[in-house]
Amino acid sequence: MLGNNHSAHDSEATAVPYLELCGDVIAGAFLIKSVLSGIQAGDPQADAMQKLVWHHSLKYLSKAPSHLEQIKYASEPVFAYPEDRLADL
């Protein structure tokens, strides 16, 4: 089922950077949403919240390219999982 160049361990190792990347992106989206809500509400702390978004993007999202290389390496077994079996997880 796995390609010739990939093992089950490769796909397991791929899960870690994939989940880290997902978590970083989702956290960033929530931070941005919070800043926009604060700006719209006239929150005086909106400027401080914008700095937090900036910090998050520099510290966490800047690592995305390194995660992507590892994810692409063994993505075949991860993305080849039968869609109809996802409910079994």
PDB file of N, CA and C in Angstrom:
ATOM      1  N   MET A   1       0.820  -1.196   0.000  1.00  0.00           N
ATOM      2  CA  MET A   1       0.000   0.000   0.000  1.00  0.00           C
ATOM      3  C   MET A   1       0.865   1.261   0.000  1.00  0.00           C
ATOM      4  N   LEU A   2       1.998   1.213   0.681  1.00  0.00           N
ATOM      5  CA  LEU A   2       2.894   2.363   0.693  1.00  0.00           C
ATOM      6  C   LEU A   2       3.798   2.316  -0.525  1.00  0.00           C
ATOM      7  N   GLY A   3       4.195   3.504  -1.002  1.00  0.00           N
ATOM      8  CA  GLY A   3       5.108   3.571  -2.135  1.00  0.00           C
ATOM      9  C   GLY A   3       6.446   2.935  -1.798  1.00  0.00           C
ATOM     10  N   ASN A   4       7.244   2.684  -2.779  1.00  0.00           N
ATOM     11  CA  ASN A   4       8.526   2.023  -2.582  1.00  0.00           C
ATOM     12  C   ASN A   4       9.486   2.818  -1.704  1.00  0.00           C
ATOM     13  N   ASN A   5       9.361   4.115  -1.705  1.00  0.00           N
ATOM     14  CA  ASN A   5      10.310   4.956  -0.974  1.00  0.00           C
ATOM     15  C   ASN A   5       9.830   5.348   0.414  1.00  0.00           C
ATOM     16  N   HIS A   6       8.661   4.869   0.835  1.00  0.00           N
ATOM     17  CA  HIS A   6       8.097   5.325   2.103  1.00  0.00           C
ATOM     18  C   HIS A   6       7.712   4.137   2.978  1.00  0.00           C
ATOM     19  N   SER A   7       7.826   4.330   4.266  1.00  0.00           N
ATOM     20  CA  SER A   7       7.431   3.290   5.206  1.00  0.00           C
ATOM     21  C   SER A   7       6.343   3.837   6.116  1.00  0.00           C
ATOM     22  N   ALA A   8       5.778   2.964   6.923  1.00  0.00           N
ATOM     23  CA  ALA A   8       4.758   3.389   7.882  1.00  0.00           C
ATOM     24  C   ALA A   8       5.357   4.390   8.871  1.00  0.00           C
ATOM     25  N   HIS A   9       6.632   4.227   9.187  1.00  0.00           N
ATOM     26  CA  HIS A   9       7.290   5.160  10.113  1.00  0.00           C
ATOM     27  C   HIS A   9       7.405   6.552   9.514  1.00  0.00           C
ATOM     28  N   ASP A  10       7.591   6.632   8.193  1.00  0.00           N
ATOM     29  CA  ASP A  10       7.643   7.933   7.530  1.00  0.00           C
ATOM     30  C   ASP A  10       6.326   8.672   7.709  1.00  0.00           C
ATOM     31  N   SER A  11       5.215   7.965   7.505  1.00  0.00           N
ATOM     32  CA  SER A  11       3.922   8.636   7.623  1.00  0.00           C
ATOM     33  C   SER A  11       3.631   9.021   9.065  1.00  0.00           C
ATOM     34  N   GLU A  12       4.082   8.213  10.021  1.00  0.00           N
ATOM     35  CA  GLU A  12       3.915   8.577  11.428  1.00  0.00           C
ATOM     36  C   GLU A  12       4.751   9.803  11.763  1.00  0.00           C
ATOM     37  N   ALA A  13       5.954   9.856  11.239  1.00  0.00           N
ATOM     38  CA  ALA A  13       6.822  11.001  11.487  1.00  0.00           C
ATOM     39  C   ALA A  13       6.278  12.253  10.822  1.00  0.00           C
ATOM     40  N   THR A  14       5.545  12.088   9.742  1.00  0.00           N
ATOM     41  CA  THR A  14       4.951  13.219   9.047  1.00  0.00           C
ATOM     42  C   THR A  14       3.841  13.852   9.872  1.00  0.00           C
ATOM     43  N   ALA A  15       3.197  13.072  10.702  1.00  0.00           N
ATOM     44  CA  ALA A  15       2.069  13.589  11.483  1.00  0.00           C
ATOM     45  C   ALA A  15       2.486  14.727  12.415  1.00  0.00           C
ATOM     46  N   VAL A  16       3.665  14.637  12.988  1.00  0.00           N
ATOM     47  CA  VAL A  16       4.103  15.660  13.948  1.00  0.00           C
ATOM     48  C   VAL A  16       4.233  17.040  13.293  1.00  0.00           C
ATOM     49  N   PRO A  17       5.009  17.193  12.226  1.00  0.00           N
ATOM     50  CA  PRO A  17       5.090  18.529  11.620  1.00  0.00           C
ATOM     51  C   PRO A  17       3.751  18.982  11.030  1.00  0.00           C
ATOM     52  N   TYR A  18       2.951  18.027  10.534  1.00  0.00           N
ATOM     53  CA  TYR A  18       1.640  18.381   9.982  1.00  0.00           C
ATOM     54  C   TYR A  18       0.754  18.971  11.072  1.00  0.00           C
ATOM     55  N   LEU A  19       0.703  18.321  12.226  1.00  0.00           N
ATOM     56  CA  LEU A  19      -0.128  18.816  13.322  1.00  0.00           C
ATOM     57  C   LEU A  19       0.416  20.122  13.897  1.00  0.00           C
ATOM     58  N   GLU A  20       1.739  20.253  13.958  1.00  0.00           N
ATOM     59  CA  GLU A  20       2.326  21.512  14.423  1.00  0.00           C
ATOM     60  C   GLU A  20       1.960  22.654  13.479  1.00  0.00           C
ATOM     61  N   LEU A  21       2.070  22.395  12.180  1.00  0.00           N
ATOM     62  CA  LEU A  21       1.731  23.420  11.199  1.00  0.00           C
ATOM     63  C   LEU A  21       0.256  23.786  11.292  1.00  0.00           C
ATOM     64  N   CYS A  22      -0.607  22.787  11.394  1.00  0.00           N
ATOM     65  CA  CYS A  22      -2.046  23.054  11.537  1.00  0.00           C
ATOM     66  C   CYS A  22      -2.324  23.891  12.777  1.00  0.00           C
ATOM     67  N   GLY A  23      -1.723  23.513  13.886  1.00  0.00           N
ATOM     68  CA  GLY A  23      -1.927  24.254  15.130  1.00  0.00           C
ATOM     69  C   GLY A  23      -1.451  25.690  15.032  1.00  0.00           C
ATOM     70  N   ASP A  24      -0.300  25.900  14.416  1.00  0.00           N
ATOM     71  CA  ASP A  24       0.226  27.256  14.259  1.00  0.00           C
ATOM     72  C   ASP A  24      -0.678  28.114  13.378  1.00  0.00           C
ATOM     73  N   VAL A  25      -1.162  27.528  12.279  1.00  0.00           N
ATOM     74  CA  VAL A  25      -2.027  28.280  11.367  1.00  0.00           C
ATOM     75  C   VAL A  25      -3.372  28.584  12.018  1.00  0.00           C
ATOM     76  N   ILE A  26      -3.956  27.606  12.701  1.00  0.00           N
ATOM     77  CA  ILE A  26      -5.245  27.816  13.362  1.00  0.00           C
ATOM     78  C   ILE A  26      -5.108  28.853  14.476  1.00  0.00           C
ATOM     79  N   ALA A  27      -4.038  28.762  15.259  1.00  0.00           N
ATOM     80  CA  ALA A  27      -3.819  29.755  16.316  1.00  0.00           C
ATOM     81  C   ALA A  27      -3.669  31.152  15.725  1.00  0.00           C
ATOM     82  N   GLY A  28      -2.933  31.256  14.625  1.00  0.00           N
ATOM     83  CA  GLY A  28      -2.773  32.547  13.967  1.00  0.00           C
ATOM     84  C   GLY A  28      -4.102  33.096  13.473  1.00  0.00           C
ATOM     85  N   ALA A  29      -4.938  32.225  12.928  1.00  0.00           N
ATOM     86  CA  ALA A  29      -6.253  32.664  12.447  1.00  0.00           C
ATOM     87  C   ALA A  29      -7.107  33.187  13.602  1.00  0.00           C
ATOM     88  N   PHE A  30      -7.071  32.501  14.731  1.00  0.00           N
ATOM     89  CA  PHE A  30      -7.841  32.970  15.885  1.00  0.00           C
ATOM     90  C   PHE A  30      -7.297  34.292  16.422  1.00  0.00           C
ATOM     91  N   LEU A  31      -5.981  34.441  16.416  1.00  0.00           N
ATOM     92  CA  LEU A  31      -5.394  35.707  16.864  1.00  0.00           C
ATOM     93  C   LEU A  31      -5.819  36.852  15.953  1.00  0.00           C
ATOM     94  N   ILE A  32      -5.780  36.625  14.644  1.00  0.00           N
ATOM     95  CA  ILE A  32      -6.185  37.666  13.699  1.00  0.00           C
ATOM     96  C   ILE A  32      -7.655  38.007  13.883  1.00  0.00           C
ATOM     97  N   LYS A  33      -8.486  36.997  14.057  1.00  0.00           N
ATOM     98  CA  LYS A  33      -9.918  37.225  14.273  1.00  0.00           C
ATOM     99  C   LYS A  33     -10.137  38.046  15.543  1.00  0.00           C
ATOM    100  N   SER A  34      -9.385  37.753  16.567  1.00  0.00           N
ATOM    101  CA  SER A  34      -9.498  38.490  17.822  1.00  0.00           C
ATOM    102  C   SER A  34      -9.096  39.951  17.648  1.00  0.00           C
ATOM    103  N   VAL A  35      -8.013  40.182  16.902  1.00  0.00           N
ATOM    104  CA  VAL A  35      -7.573  41.559  16.655  1.00  0.00           C
ATOM    105  C   VAL A  35      -8.634  42.324  15.874  1.00  0.00           C
ATOM    106  N   LEU A  36      -9.175  41.709  14.836  1.00  0.00           N
ATOM    107  CA  LEU A  36     -10.201  42.391  14.039  1.00  0.00           C
ATOM    108  C   LEU A  36     -11.439  42.702  14.864  1.00  0.00           C
ATOM    109  N   SER A  37     -11.832  41.777  15.717  1.00  0.00           N
ATOM    110  CA  SER A  37     -12.978  42.027  16.598  1.00  0.00           C
ATOM    111  C   SER A  37     -12.679  43.171  17.557  1.00  0.00           C
ATOM    112  N   GLY A  38     -11.458  43.197  18.060  1.00  0.00           N
ATOM    113  CA  GLY A  38     -11.059  44.269  18.967  1.00  0.00           C
ATOM    114  C   GLY A  38     -11.049  45.628  18.292  1.00  0.00           C
ATOM    115  N   ILE A  39     -10.562  45.675  17.063  1.00  0.00           N
ATOM    116  CA  ILE A  39     -10.541  46.929  16.302  1.00  0.00           C
ATOM    117  C   ILE A  39     -11.960  47.405  16.045  1.00  0.00           C
ATOM    118  N   GLN A  40     -12.821  46.485  15.611  1.00  0.00           N
ATOM    119  CA  GLN A  40     -14.207  46.847  15.319  1.00  0.00           C
ATOM    120  C   GLN A  40     -14.948  47.321  16.566  1.00  0.00           C
ATOM    121  N   ALA A  41     -14.595  46.753  17.712  1.00  0.00           N
ATOM    122  CA  ALA A  41     -15.259  47.129  18.959  1.00  0.00           C
ATOM    123  C   ALA A  41     -14.632  48.362  19.602  1.00  0.00           C
ATOM    124  N   GLY A  42     -13.546  48.848  19.027  1.00  0.00           N
ATOM    125  CA  GLY A  42     -12.879  50.015  19.601  1.00  0.00           C
ATOM    126  C   GLY A  42     -12.075  49.688  20.848  1.00  0.00           C
ATOM    127  N   ASP A  43     -11.616  48.467  20.971  1.00  0.00           N
ATOM    128  CA  ASP A  43     -10.843  48.030  22.134  1.00  0.00           C
ATOM    129  C   ASP A  43      -9.504  48.760  22.158  1.00  0.00           C
ATOM    130  N   PRO A  44      -9.180  49.426  23.255  1.00  0.00           N
ATOM    131  CA  PRO A  44      -7.899  50.145  23.336  1.00  0.00           C
ATOM    132  C   PRO A  44      -6.689  49.211  23.335  1.00  0.00           C
ATOM    133  N   GLN A  45      -6.898  47.934  23.591  1.00  0.00           N
ATOM    134  CA  GLN A  45      -5.803  46.963  23.597  1.00  0.00           C
ATOM    135  C   GLN A  45      -5.543  46.351  22.218  1.00  0.00           C
ATOM    136  N   ALA A  46      -6.268  46.818  21.201  1.00  0.00           N
ATOM    137  CA  ALA A  46      -6.118  46.245  19.855  1.00  0.00           C
ATOM    138  C   ALA A  46      -4.683  46.385  19.342  1.00  0.00           C
ATOM    139  N   ASP A  47      -4.015  47.482  19.668  1.00  0.00           N
ATOM    140  CA  ASP A  47      -2.621  47.652  19.226  1.00  0.00           C
ATOM    141  C   ASP A  47      -1.715  46.588  19.840  1.00  0.00           C
ATOM    142  N   ALA A  48      -1.920  46.310  21.112  1.00  0.00           N
ATOM    143  CA  ALA A  48      -1.125  45.277  21.779  1.00  0.00           C
ATOM    144  C   ALA A  48      -1.415  43.909  21.168  1.00  0.00           C
ATOM    145  N   MET A  49      -2.666  43.670  20.835  1.00  0.00           N
ATOM    146  CA  MET A  49      -3.036  42.397  20.228  1.00  0.00           C
ATOM    147  C   MET A  49      -2.400  42.258  18.845  1.00  0.00           C
ATOM    148  N   GLN A  50      -2.283  43.362  18.112  1.00  0.00           N
ATOM    149  CA  GLN A  50      -1.627  43.316  16.806  1.00  0.00           C
ATOM    150  C   GLN A  50      -0.163  42.917  16.955  1.00  0.00           C
ATOM    151  N   LYS A  51       0.480  43.372  18.009  1.00  0.00           N
ATOM    152  CA  LYS A  51       1.874  42.998  18.262  1.00  0.00           C
ATOM    153  C   LYS A  51       1.989  41.503  18.551  1.00  0.00           C
ATOM    154  N   LEU A  52       0.985  40.955  19.220  1.00  0.00           N
ATOM    155  CA  LEU A  52       0.983  39.525  19.493  1.00  0.00           C
ATOM    156  C   LEU A  52       0.862  38.727  18.189  1.00  0.00           C
ATOM    157  N   VAL A  53       0.023  39.187  17.272  1.00  0.00           N
ATOM    158  CA  VAL A  53      -0.107  38.530  15.966  1.00  0.00           C
ATOM    159  C   VAL A  53       1.228  38.603  15.224  1.00  0.00           C
ATOM    160  N   TRP A  54       1.868  39.740  15.255  1.00  0.00           N
ATOM    161  CA  TRP A  54       3.167  39.903  14.600  1.00  0.00           C
ATOM    162  C   TRP A  54       4.191  38.932  15.187  1.00  0.00           C
ATOM    163  N   HIS A  55       4.222  38.858  16.510  1.00  0.00           N
ATOM    164  CA  HIS A  55       5.139  37.933  17.185  1.00  0.00           C
ATOM    165  C   HIS A  55       4.840  36.489  16.783  1.00  0.00           C
ATOM    166  N   HIS A  56       3.573  36.115  16.754  1.00  0.00           N
ATOM    167  CA  HIS A  56       3.188  34.754  16.379  1.00  0.00           C
ATOM    168  C   HIS A  56       3.638  34.431  14.955  1.00  0.00           C
ATOM    169  N   SER A  57       3.435  35.371  14.054  1.00  0.00           N
ATOM    170  CA  SER A  57       3.812  35.104  12.660  1.00  0.00           C
ATOM    171  C   SER A  57       5.325  34.964  12.511  1.00  0.00           C
ATOM    172  N   LEU A  58       6.097  35.769  13.233  1.00  0.00           N
ATOM    173  CA  LEU A  58       7.556  35.669  13.138  1.00  0.00           C
ATOM    174  C   LEU A  58       8.091  34.402  13.802  1.00  0.00           C
ATOM    175  N   LYS A  59       7.543  34.067  14.958  1.00  0.00           N
ATOM    176  CA  LYS A  59       8.069  32.937  15.725  1.00  0.00           C
ATOM    177  C   LYS A  59       7.594  31.589  15.195  1.00  0.00           C
ATOM    178  N   TYR A  60       6.325  31.488  14.834  1.00  0.00           N
ATOM    179  CA  TYR A  60       5.765  30.191  14.483  1.00  0.00           C
ATOM    180  C   TYR A  60       5.538  29.999  12.981  1.00  0.00           C
ATOM    181  N   LEU A  61       4.929  30.960  12.340  1.00  0.00           N
ATOM    182  CA  LEU A  61       4.616  30.778  10.923  1.00  0.00           C
ATOM    183  C   LEU A  61       5.850  30.839  10.040  1.00  0.00           C
ATOM    184  N   SER A  62       6.918  31.432  10.535  1.00  0.00           N
ATOM    185  CA  SER A  62       8.152  31.460   9.751  1.00  0.00           C
ATOM    186  C   SER A  62       8.768  30.068   9.625  1.00  0.00           C
ATOM    187  N   LYS A  63       8.338  29.120  10.471  1.00  0.00           N
ATOM    188  CA  LYS A  63       8.846  27.750  10.403  1.00  0.00           C
ATOM    189  C   LYS A  63       8.098  26.903   9.378  1.00  0.00           C
ATOM    190  N   ALA A  64       7.037  27.441   8.780  1.00  0.00           N
ATOM    191  CA  ALA A  64       6.197  26.665   7.860  1.00  0.00           C
ATOM    192  C   ALA A  64       6.979  25.994   6.730  1.00  0.00           C
ATOM    193  N   PRO A  65       7.909  26.684   6.065  1.00  0.00           N
ATOM    194  CA  PRO A  65       8.629  26.014   4.970  1.00  0.00           C
ATOM    195  C   PRO A  65       9.374  24.753   5.415  1.00  0.00           C
ATOM    196  N   SER A  66       9.937  24.757   6.606  1.00  0.00           N
ATOM    197  CA  SER A  66      10.644  23.551   7.063  1.00  0.00           C
ATOM    198  C   SER A  66       9.673  22.418   7.347  1.00  0.00           C
ATOM    199  N   HIS A  67       8.486  22.730   7.846  1.00  0.00           N
ATOM    200  CA  HIS A  67       7.466  21.703   8.056  1.00  0.00           C
ATOM    201  C   HIS A  67       7.004  21.127   6.719  1.00  0.00           C
ATOM    202  N   LEU A  68       6.829  21.975   5.735  1.00  0.00           N
ATOM    203  CA  LEU A  68       6.289  21.533   4.453  1.00  0.00           C
ATOM    204  C   LEU A  68       7.187  20.505   3.768  1.00  0.00           C
ATOM    205  N   GLU A  69       8.484  20.688   3.848  1.00  0.00           N
ATOM    206  CA  GLU A  69       9.398  19.734   3.218  1.00  0.00           C
ATOM    207  C   GLU A  69       9.238  18.344   3.827  1.00  0.00           C
ATOM    208  N   GLN A  70       9.139  18.277   5.138  1.00  0.00           N
ATOM    209  CA  GLN A  70       8.987  16.981   5.795  1.00  0.00           C
ATOM    210  C   GLN A  70       7.609  16.382   5.508  1.00  0.00           C
ATOM    211  N   ILE A  71       6.586  17.213   5.442  1.00  0.00           N
ATOM    212  CA  ILE A  71       5.235  16.734   5.159  1.00  0.00           C
ATOM    213  C   ILE A  71       5.155  16.172   3.743  1.00  0.00           C
ATOM    214  N   LYS A  72       5.743  16.877   2.794  1.00  0.00           N
ATOM    215  CA  LYS A  72       5.695  16.422   1.406  1.00  0.00           C
ATOM    216  C   LYS A  72       6.440  15.107   1.212  1.00  0.00           C
ATOM    217  N   TYR A  73       7.479  14.879   1.990  1.00  0.00           N
ATOM    218  CA  TYR A  73       8.303  13.685   1.816  1.00  0.00           C
ATOM    219  C   TYR A  73       7.481  12.405   1.942  1.00  0.00           C
ATOM    220  N   ALA A  74       6.630  12.324   2.933  1.00  0.00           N
ATOM    221  CA  ALA A  74       5.886  11.080   3.179  1.00  0.00           C
ATOM    222  C   ALA A  74       4.383  11.300   3.184  1.00  0.00           C
ATOM    223  N   SER A  75       3.912  12.213   2.383  1.00  0.00           N
ATOM    224  CA  SER A  75       2.483  12.534   2.402  1.00  0.00           C
ATOM    225  C   SER A  75       1.614  11.503   1.704  1.00  0.00           C
ATOM    226  N   GLU A  76       2.185  10.684   0.840  1.00  0.00           N
ATOM    227  CA  GLU A  76       1.393   9.720   0.078  1.00  0.00           C
ATOM    228  C   GLU A  76       0.496   8.850   0.968  1.00  0.00           C
ATOM    229  N   PRO A  77       1.025   8.175   1.993  1.00  0.00           N
ATOM    230  CA  PRO A  77       0.145   7.334   2.795  1.00  0.00           C
ATOM    231  C   PRO A  77      -0.862   8.127   3.626  1.00  0.00           C
ATOM    232  N   VAL A  78      -0.498   9.344   3.988  1.00  0.00           N
ATOM    233  CA  VAL A  78      -1.410  10.157   4.783  1.00  0.00           C
ATOM    234  C   VAL A  78      -2.610  10.580   3.947  1.00  0.00           C
ATOM    235  N   PHE A  79      -2.357  11.082   2.747  1.00  0.00           N
ATOM    236  CA  PHE A  79      -3.436  11.587   1.907  1.00  0.00           C
ATOM    237  C   PHE A  79      -4.094  10.505   1.062  1.00  0.00           C
ATOM    238  N   ALA A  80      -3.529   9.304   1.058  1.00  0.00           N
ATOM    239  CA  ALA A  80      -4.135   8.208   0.310  1.00  0.00           C
ATOM    240  C   ALA A  80      -5.130   7.428   1.162  1.00  0.00           C
ATOM    241  N   TYR A  81      -5.325   7.846   2.391  1.00  0.00           N
ATOM    242  CA  TYR A  81      -6.260   7.145   3.272  1.00  0.00           C
ATOM    243  C   TYR A  81      -7.661   7.210   2.670  1.00  0.00           C
ATOM    244  N   PRO A  82      -8.366   6.098   2.591  1.00  0.00           N
ATOM    245  CA  PRO A  82      -9.682   6.077   1.957  1.00  0.00           C
ATOM    246  C   PRO A  82     -10.673   6.997   2.674  1.00  0.00           C
ATOM    247  N   GLU A  83     -11.239   7.898   1.923  1.00  0.00           N
ATOM    248  CA  GLU A  83     -12.148   8.892   2.506  1.00  0.00           C
ATOM    249  C   GLU A  83     -13.337   8.247   3.222  1.00  0.00           C
ATOM    250  N   ASP A  84     -13.844   7.153   2.690  1.00  0.00           N
ATOM    251  CA  ASP A  84     -14.997   6.510   3.309  1.00  0.00           C
ATOM    252  C   ASP A  84     -14.658   5.850   4.655  1.00  0.00           C
ATOM    253  N   ARG A  85     -13.364   5.708   4.954  1.00  0.00           N
ATOM    254  CA  ARG A  85     -12.952   5.108   6.231  1.00  0.00           C
ATOM    255  C   ARG A  85     -12.628   6.159   7.294  1.00  0.00           C
ATOM    256  N   LEU A  86     -12.725   7.434   6.955  1.00  0.00           N
ATOM    257  CA  LEU A  86     -12.401   8.473   7.919  1.00  0.00           C
ATOM    258  C   LEU A  86     -13.310   8.417   9.138  1.00  0.00           C
ATOM    259  N   ALA A  87     -14.534   7.998   8.957  1.00  0.00           N
ATOM    260  CA  ALA A  87     -15.472   7.894  10.074  1.00  0.00           C
ATOM    261  C   ALA A  87     -15.028   6.831  11.069  1.00  0.00           C
ATOM    262  N   ASP A  88     -14.186   5.893  10.630  1.00  0.00           N
ATOM    263  CA  ASP A  88     -13.706   4.820  11.514  1.00  0.00           C
ATOM    264  C   ASP A  88     -12.614   5.297  12.469  1.00  0.00           C
ATOM    265  N   LEU A  89     -12.066   6.462  12.223  1.00  0.00           N
ATOM    266  CA  LEU A  89     -10.950   6.936  13.050  1.00  0.00           C
ATOM    267  C   LEU A  89     -11.364   7.308  14.430  1.00  0.00           C
TER     268      LEU A  89
END
